[in-house]
């Protein structure tokens, strides 16, 4: 048996549990420890909370990149206060990664530089650094420590698909440099799984929304506008459509991937319903009772016209499906956003 085959065999034995089947399952048991990269971000902070709620310890790493305010990320971390979190501020592109894996049972790699529209031009160097170099370094460390990595990819890898809803085996043709880096991360995973015995699972997230959404994302900007902070920039007149996915459903899929997915797999993680942008904005108005003031702007390069996920693989192999309706999820985000401005009563009244 060569070194790679031996590594794969050891990995398989490590993840097989006494379930009466040959299917591996890694339990998120109380007392287990997980590394979460990007822990101060939108999805990362929710994942830390979910792991702590299950009795797991977390080593959280974040580099506080300049994509948005450090104060917002620190506020996200404050929401995780009270749980078993050891936070490390670190630039994963430069600092040693392997020591972070001491004693961990798995890695959730969410750290990345987000944003389709800002990935063009000279900023692409930062995207290759944060999305490719960092991912390669995490994979390299995980191989040496023989731990599973669940990593975040994106629906951006599909671009404008040739058929809908998109399946994981659809043609991959990203329309932006950001999408190219996320597809590159998937390609790195394949290489490390096949040639180095890495145990890795990828998740293609579709338009995640909910409390703590990044301030550059659509609904965060909608509710900011409704609080009086400028008009909402509506790109392309709202004729596009998206599959919006509530953040807690995304977290649940991510945890199940750590527990149940075969190594090397990739899964669509979508909300289960494709929604036109204009309909989503009307629902924001209905939930809050406020009229949204918009500025109509041209479409921008890199944005697909629609996203729509086939989530059958995740349903069949992970036992996962989204459980939050779009309206309920949007109301939760509106409640969080407007509560910050002292408008809790307004949201409660609109819910009845």
Protein backbone atom coordinates (compact mmCIF):
# COMPACT_ATOMS: atom_id res chain seq x y z
CA UNK A 1 0.00 0.00 0.00
CA UNK A 2 1.49 3.37 -1.01
CA UNK A 3 1.48 6.42 1.26
CA UNK A 4 -1.64 7.98 -0.30
CA UNK A 5 -3.64 4.75 -0.06
CA UNK A 6 -2.59 4.32 3.57
CA UNK A 7 -3.66 7.91 4.33
CA UNK A 8 -7.07 7.33 2.72
CA UNK A 9 -7.54 4.12 4.69
CA UNK A 10 -6.69 5.84 7.97
CA UNK A 11 -9.07 8.66 7.13
CA UNK A 12 -11.90 6.24 6.32
CA UNK A 13 -11.40 4.34 9.60
CA UNK A 14 -11.39 7.60 11.55
CA UNK A 15 -14.78 8.69 10.24
CA UNK A 16 -16.60 5.34 10.35
CA UNK A 17 -18.87 5.00 13.37
CA UNK A 18 -20.74 1.99 14.71
CA UNK A 19 -23.96 2.72 12.80
CA UNK A 20 -24.58 -0.76 11.44
CA UNK A 21 -23.67 0.36 7.94
CA UNK A 22 -20.53 1.06 5.96
CA UNK A 23 -21.45 4.73 5.63
CA UNK A 24 -19.08 7.02 7.55
CA UNK A 25 -20.55 9.53 9.98
CA UNK A 26 -18.59 11.98 12.07
CA UNK A 27 -20.68 12.95 15.09
CA UNK A 28 -20.65 16.54 16.34
CA UNK A 29 -20.40 15.30 19.89
CA UNK A 30 -20.17 17.52 22.97
CA UNK A 31 -16.51 18.11 23.71
CA UNK A 32 -15.36 17.89 20.10
CA UNK A 33 -13.30 20.83 18.79
CA UNK A 34 -13.59 22.46 15.38
CA UNK A 35 -11.61 25.13 13.59
CA UNK A 36 -13.79 27.77 11.89
CA UNK A 37 -12.03 30.14 9.52
CA UNK A 38 -13.84 33.40 8.81
CA UNK A 39 -15.54 33.06 12.19
CA UNK A 40 -16.33 36.79 12.51
CA UNK A 41 -18.23 36.89 9.24
CA UNK A 42 -21.91 36.55 8.43
CA UNK A 43 -22.13 32.77 8.05
CA UNK A 44 -19.09 32.01 10.21
CA UNK A 45 -20.49 33.65 13.34
CA UNK A 46 -23.76 31.72 12.99
CA UNK A 47 -21.78 28.50 12.56
CA UNK A 48 -19.80 29.19 15.73
CA UNK A 49 -23.05 29.68 17.65
CA UNK A 50 -24.48 26.43 16.28
CA UNK A 51 -21.38 24.43 17.20
CA UNK A 52 -21.34 25.89 20.71
CA UNK A 53 -25.05 25.09 21.09
CA UNK A 54 -24.18 21.46 20.35
CA UNK A 55 -21.56 21.44 23.10
CA UNK A 56 -18.59 21.70 20.74
CA UNK A 57 -15.56 23.89 21.30
CA UNK A 58 -14.45 26.24 18.53
CA UNK A 59 -11.12 27.70 17.54
CA UNK A 60 -12.18 30.71 15.51
CA UNK A 61 -9.84 32.46 13.10
CA UNK A 62 -10.44 35.73 11.28
CA UNK A 63 -8.08 38.18 9.60
CA UNK A 64 -10.49 41.15 9.62
CA UNK A 65 -9.89 41.85 5.94
CA UNK A 66 -10.97 45.23 4.61
CA UNK A 67 -14.09 44.02 2.80
CA UNK A 68 -16.28 45.75 5.39
CA UNK A 69 -16.13 47.36 8.81
CA UNK A 70 -14.12 45.66 11.54
CA UNK A 71 -16.68 46.96 14.03
CA UNK A 72 -19.43 44.90 12.34
CA UNK A 73 -17.31 41.76 12.52
CA UNK A 74 -16.49 42.40 16.16
CA UNK A 75 -20.21 42.79 16.80
CA UNK A 76 -20.77 39.41 15.12
CA UNK A 77 -18.24 37.86 17.49
CA UNK A 78 -20.02 39.42 20.44
CA UNK A 79 -23.10 37.42 19.48
CA UNK A 80 -21.02 34.29 20.14
CA UNK A 81 -20.09 35.39 23.66
CA UNK A 82 -20.79 32.79 26.32
CA UNK A 83 -19.86 29.83 24.13
CA UNK A 84 -16.64 27.84 24.09
CA UNK A 85 -14.76 29.97 21.55
CA UNK A 86 -11.04 30.65 21.44
CA UNK A 87 -10.56 33.46 18.97
CA UNK A 88 -7.34 34.01 17.02
CA UNK A 89 -6.82 37.04 14.79
CA UNK A 90 -4.60 35.78 11.99
CA UNK A 91 -3.77 36.28 8.32
CA UNK A 92 -4.04 32.75 6.94
CA UNK A 93 -2.12 33.72 3.81
CA UNK A 94 1.04 34.32 5.85
CA UNK A 95 0.84 32.77 9.32
CA UNK A 96 1.48 29.05 9.92
CA UNK A 97 -1.80 27.16 9.58
CA UNK A 98 -0.90 23.70 10.82
CA UNK A 99 -0.57 24.66 14.54
CA UNK A 100 -4.21 25.81 14.46
CA UNK A 101 -5.21 22.20 13.83
CA UNK A 102 -3.72 20.88 17.07
CA UNK A 103 -6.41 18.73 18.68
CA UNK A 104 -9.21 19.66 16.28
CA UNK A 105 -11.74 17.14 14.99
CA UNK A 106 -12.50 18.98 11.75
CA UNK A 107 -12.16 22.26 9.87
CA UNK A 108 -14.89 24.51 8.52
CA UNK A 109 -13.19 26.76 5.97
CA UNK A 110 -15.40 29.80 5.34
CA UNK A 111 -12.75 32.52 5.14
CA UNK A 112 -12.81 34.24 1.75
CA UNK A 113 -12.91 37.61 0.04
CA UNK A 114 -16.55 38.00 -1.10
CA UNK A 115 -18.16 40.07 -3.82
CA UNK A 116 -18.71 39.60 -7.55
CA UNK A 117 -18.68 43.26 -8.55
CA UNK A 118 -15.49 44.21 -6.73
CA UNK A 119 -13.40 41.33 -8.09
CA UNK A 120 -12.50 42.95 -11.41
CA UNK A 121 -9.34 44.88 -12.22
CA UNK A 122 -6.43 45.34 -9.84
CA UNK A 123 -8.39 43.98 -6.86
CA UNK A 124 -8.18 40.48 -8.36
CA UNK A 125 -4.79 40.01 -6.70
CA UNK A 126 -6.49 40.20 -3.30
CA UNK A 127 -9.07 37.61 -4.43
CA UNK A 128 -6.41 35.15 -5.55
CA UNK A 129 -4.59 35.62 -2.26
CA UNK A 130 -7.60 35.28 0.03
CA UNK A 131 -9.60 32.70 -1.94
CA UNK A 132 -6.94 30.51 -3.57
CA UNK A 133 -3.70 30.83 -1.62
CA UNK A 134 -5.45 30.65 1.76
CA UNK A 135 -7.54 27.65 0.67
CA UNK A 136 -4.46 25.81 -0.58
CA UNK A 137 -2.68 26.44 2.73
CA UNK A 138 -5.68 25.17 4.72
CA UNK A 139 -5.85 22.02 2.57
CA UNK A 140 -2.11 21.44 2.96
CA UNK A 141 -2.33 21.67 6.74
CA UNK A 142 -5.41 19.41 6.86
CA UNK A 143 -3.61 16.70 4.87
CA UNK A 144 -0.71 16.75 7.32
CA UNK A 145 -3.04 16.55 10.33
CA UNK A 146 -5.48 14.09 8.71
CA UNK A 147 -8.62 16.11 9.45
CA UNK A 148 -11.74 16.68 7.37
CA UNK A 149 -12.36 20.07 5.75
CA UNK A 150 -15.82 21.34 4.85
CA UNK A 151 -15.26 24.37 2.64
CA UNK A 152 -17.55 27.08 1.27
CA UNK A 153 -17.96 27.46 -2.47
CA UNK A 154 -20.61 29.50 -4.28
CA UNK A 155 -23.39 29.35 -6.84
CA UNK A 156 -21.21 31.81 -8.77
CA UNK A 157 -19.33 28.84 -10.22
CA UNK A 158 -22.31 28.17 -12.54
CA UNK A 159 -22.59 31.61 -14.18
CA UNK A 160 -25.56 31.69 -16.54
CA UNK A 161 -26.34 27.99 -16.58
CA UNK A 162 -27.43 26.10 -19.68
CA UNK A 163 -30.35 24.52 -17.78
CA UNK A 164 -32.30 25.11 -14.56
CA UNK A 165 -32.48 24.15 -11.79
CA UNK A 166 -28.73 23.57 -11.78
CA UNK A 167 -27.36 20.25 -10.67
CA UNK A 168 -23.87 19.76 -9.31
CA UNK A 169 -22.80 18.17 -12.61
CA UNK A 170 -23.95 21.15 -14.71
CA UNK A 171 -21.44 23.03 -16.83
CA UNK A 172 -19.35 25.37 -14.67
CA UNK A 173 -18.70 28.74 -16.33
CA UNK A 174 -18.34 31.59 -13.81
CA UNK A 175 -18.96 35.12 -15.05
CA UNK A 176 -16.69 36.98 -12.63
CA UNK A 177 -13.15 36.78 -11.27
CA UNK A 178 -14.71 36.04 -7.87
CA UNK A 179 -16.52 33.03 -9.33
CA UNK A 180 -13.29 31.89 -10.96
CA UNK A 181 -11.52 31.87 -7.58
CA UNK A 182 -14.33 29.84 -6.00
CA UNK A 183 -14.16 27.32 -8.84
CA UNK A 184 -10.40 27.30 -8.39
CA UNK A 185 -10.90 26.39 -4.74
CA UNK A 186 -13.02 23.43 -5.81
CA UNK A 187 -10.32 22.36 -8.26
CA UNK A 188 -7.72 22.53 -5.51
CA UNK A 189 -9.95 20.31 -3.37
CA UNK A 190 -10.19 17.73 -6.16
CA UNK A 191 -6.42 17.73 -6.59
CA UNK A 192 -5.76 17.31 -2.87
CA UNK A 193 -8.42 14.61 -2.48
CA UNK A 194 -7.14 12.59 -5.44
CA UNK A 195 -3.39 13.06 -5.04
CA UNK A 196 -2.85 13.76 -1.33
CA UNK A 197 -5.70 11.92 0.39
CA UNK A 198 -7.41 15.05 1.72
CA UNK A 199 -10.85 14.46 3.22
CA UNK A 200 -12.82 17.45 1.88
CA UNK A 201 -16.43 18.36 1.14
CA UNK A 202 -17.58 21.47 -0.77
CA UNK A 203 -20.82 23.43 -0.46
CA UNK A 204 -22.14 25.77 -3.15
CA UNK A 205 -24.12 28.36 -1.22
CA UNK A 206 -26.94 30.18 -3.04
CA UNK A 207 -27.60 33.86 -2.08
CA UNK A 208 -27.48 33.57 1.69
CA UNK A 209 -29.55 36.05 3.72
CA UNK A 210 -30.61 36.59 7.31
CA UNK A 211 -29.50 38.44 10.46
CA UNK A 212 -25.90 39.78 10.27
CA UNK A 213 -25.89 39.74 6.49
CA UNK A 214 -22.88 41.59 5.10
CA UNK A 215 -23.62 45.30 4.63
CA UNK A 216 -22.90 45.16 0.89
CA UNK A 217 -25.54 42.48 0.27
CA UNK A 218 -29.00 43.18 -1.08
CA UNK A 219 -31.33 42.88 1.91
CA UNK A 220 -28.89 44.53 4.29
CA UNK A 221 -28.91 47.51 1.92
CA UNK A 222 -32.70 47.40 1.60
CA UNK A 223 -33.22 47.66 5.35
CA UNK A 224 -30.51 50.30 5.67
CA UNK A 225 -32.41 52.35 3.09
CA UNK A 226 -35.65 51.86 5.01
CA UNK A 227 -33.91 53.24 8.09
CA UNK A 228 -33.16 56.42 6.16
CA UNK A 229 -29.62 55.73 4.97
CA UNK A 230 -29.98 56.61 1.29
CA UNK A 231 -31.84 55.09 -1.61
CA UNK A 232 -31.53 51.45 -2.62
CA UNK A 233 -29.51 50.87 -5.84
CA UNK A 234 -31.65 48.50 -7.92
CA UNK A 235 -29.50 46.90 -10.60
CA UNK A 236 -31.07 45.90 -13.89
CA UNK A 237 -34.60 46.98 -12.86
CA UNK A 238 -35.09 43.89 -10.69
CA UNK A 239 -35.94 41.44 -13.47
CA UNK A 240 -33.33 38.96 -12.28
CA UNK A 241 -34.26 36.07 -9.99
CA UNK A 242 -32.40 34.40 -7.16
CA UNK A 243 -32.61 31.34 -4.95
CA UNK A 244 -32.31 32.91 -1.51
CA UNK A 245 -31.15 30.66 1.34
CA UNK A 246 -31.63 31.44 5.02
CA UNK A 247 -28.41 31.47 7.00
CA UNK A 248 -29.52 28.97 9.65
CA UNK A 249 -30.45 26.48 6.91
CA UNK A 250 -26.98 27.01 5.41
CA UNK A 251 -25.40 26.31 8.78
CA UNK A 252 -27.40 23.10 9.20
CA UNK A 253 -26.27 21.86 5.77
CA UNK A 254 -22.69 22.72 6.67
CA UNK A 255 -22.83 20.73 9.91
CA UNK A 256 -24.41 17.75 8.16
CA UNK A 257 -21.70 17.82 5.51
CA UNK A 258 -19.10 17.41 8.26
CA UNK A 259 -21.04 14.44 9.65
CA UNK A 260 -22.32 12.57 6.63
CA UNK A 261 -20.81 13.51 3.28
CA UNK A 262 -18.48 11.21 1.39
CA UNK A 263 -15.09 12.78 0.82
CA UNK A 264 -14.72 14.64 -2.47
CA UNK A 265 -18.41 15.50 -2.85
CA UNK A 266 -19.84 18.93 -3.55
CA UNK A 267 -23.42 20.00 -2.79
CA UNK A 268 -25.82 22.74 -3.79
CA UNK A 269 -27.24 24.52 -0.74
CA UNK A 270 -30.30 26.47 -1.82
CA UNK A 271 -33.47 27.80 -0.25
CA UNK A 272 -35.85 25.66 -2.30
CA UNK A 273 -37.55 28.50 -4.18
CA UNK A 274 -36.50 30.88 -6.98
CA UNK A 275 -37.76 34.43 -6.39
CA UNK A 276 -37.74 37.46 -8.73
CA UNK A 277 -35.87 40.40 -7.22
CA UNK A 278 -38.90 42.68 -7.58
CA UNK A 279 -41.07 40.23 -5.66
CA UNK A 280 -38.46 40.08 -2.91
CA UNK A 281 -38.43 43.88 -2.61
CA UNK A 282 -42.22 43.99 -2.42
CA UNK A 283 -42.10 41.46 0.39
CA UNK A 284 -39.61 43.68 2.26
CA UNK A 285 -42.11 46.52 1.98
CA UNK A 286 -44.97 44.32 3.15
CA UNK A 287 -43.03 43.04 6.16
CA UNK A 288 -41.90 46.46 7.35
CA UNK A 289 -44.79 48.60 6.19
CA UNK A 290 -42.25 50.96 4.59
CA UNK A 291 -41.96 52.03 0.96
CA UNK A 292 -38.52 51.42 -0.51
CA UNK A 293 -36.95 54.33 -2.35
CA UNK A 294 -34.86 53.05 -5.26
CA UNK A 295 -32.40 54.31 -7.83
CA UNK A 296 -32.55 52.28 -11.05
CA UNK A 297 -29.07 51.40 -12.28
CA UNK A 298 -27.79 49.30 -15.18
CA UNK A 299 -26.86 45.66 -14.67
CA UNK A 300 -23.22 45.08 -13.79
CA UNK A 301 -20.75 42.65 -15.27
CA UNK A 302 -20.56 39.29 -13.51
CA UNK A 303 -24.10 39.03 -12.15
CA UNK A 304 -26.04 36.03 -13.54
CA UNK A 305 -29.64 36.62 -14.63
CA UNK A 306 -30.97 33.84 -12.44
CA UNK A 307 -29.92 31.27 -9.88
CA UNK A 308 -31.96 28.17 -9.14
CA UNK A 309 -30.62 25.09 -7.34
CA UNK A 310 -31.41 21.42 -7.57
CA UNK A 311 -30.81 20.30 -3.98
CA UNK A 312 -31.63 16.63 -4.55
CA UNK A 313 -28.10 15.44 -3.81
CA UNK A 314 -28.04 17.16 -0.40
CA UNK A 315 -31.50 15.79 0.39
CA UNK A 316 -30.51 12.23 -0.53
CA UNK A 317 -27.00 12.07 0.90
CA UNK A 318 -27.09 14.50 3.83
CA UNK A 319 -30.74 14.27 4.82
CA UNK A 320 -30.91 18.05 4.51
CA UNK A 321 -33.53 20.38 3.11
CA UNK A 322 -34.26 24.04 3.89
CA UNK A 323 -36.79 24.53 6.67
CA UNK A 324 -37.21 28.33 6.68
CA UNK A 325 -39.66 30.00 4.34
CA UNK A 326 -38.43 33.07 2.51
CA UNK A 327 -40.96 35.30 4.26
CA UNK A 328 -40.05 34.02 7.73
CA UNK A 329 -36.35 34.40 7.05
CA UNK A 330 -36.78 37.88 5.65
CA UNK A 331 -38.88 38.89 8.65
CA UNK A 332 -36.11 37.67 10.97
CA UNK A 333 -33.56 39.77 9.10
CA UNK A 334 -35.86 42.81 9.11
CA UNK A 335 -36.50 42.35 12.82
CA UNK A 336 -32.75 42.28 13.52
CA UNK A 337 -31.98 45.25 11.26
CA UNK A 338 -34.77 47.49 12.47
CA UNK A 339 -34.34 46.54 16.11
CA UNK A 340 -30.88 48.08 15.92
CA UNK A 341 -32.60 51.35 15.10
CA UNK A 342 -35.15 51.02 17.89
CA UNK A 343 -37.93 49.96 15.52
CA UNK A 344 -38.79 46.57 17.05
CA UNK A 345 -42.44 47.53 17.53
CA UNK A 346 -42.73 48.39 13.87
CA UNK A 347 -41.65 44.92 12.78
CA UNK A 348 -43.87 43.19 15.34
CA UNK A 349 -46.88 45.19 14.17
CA UNK A 350 -46.19 44.39 10.54
CA UNK A 351 -46.05 40.67 11.33
CA UNK A 352 -49.75 40.66 12.36
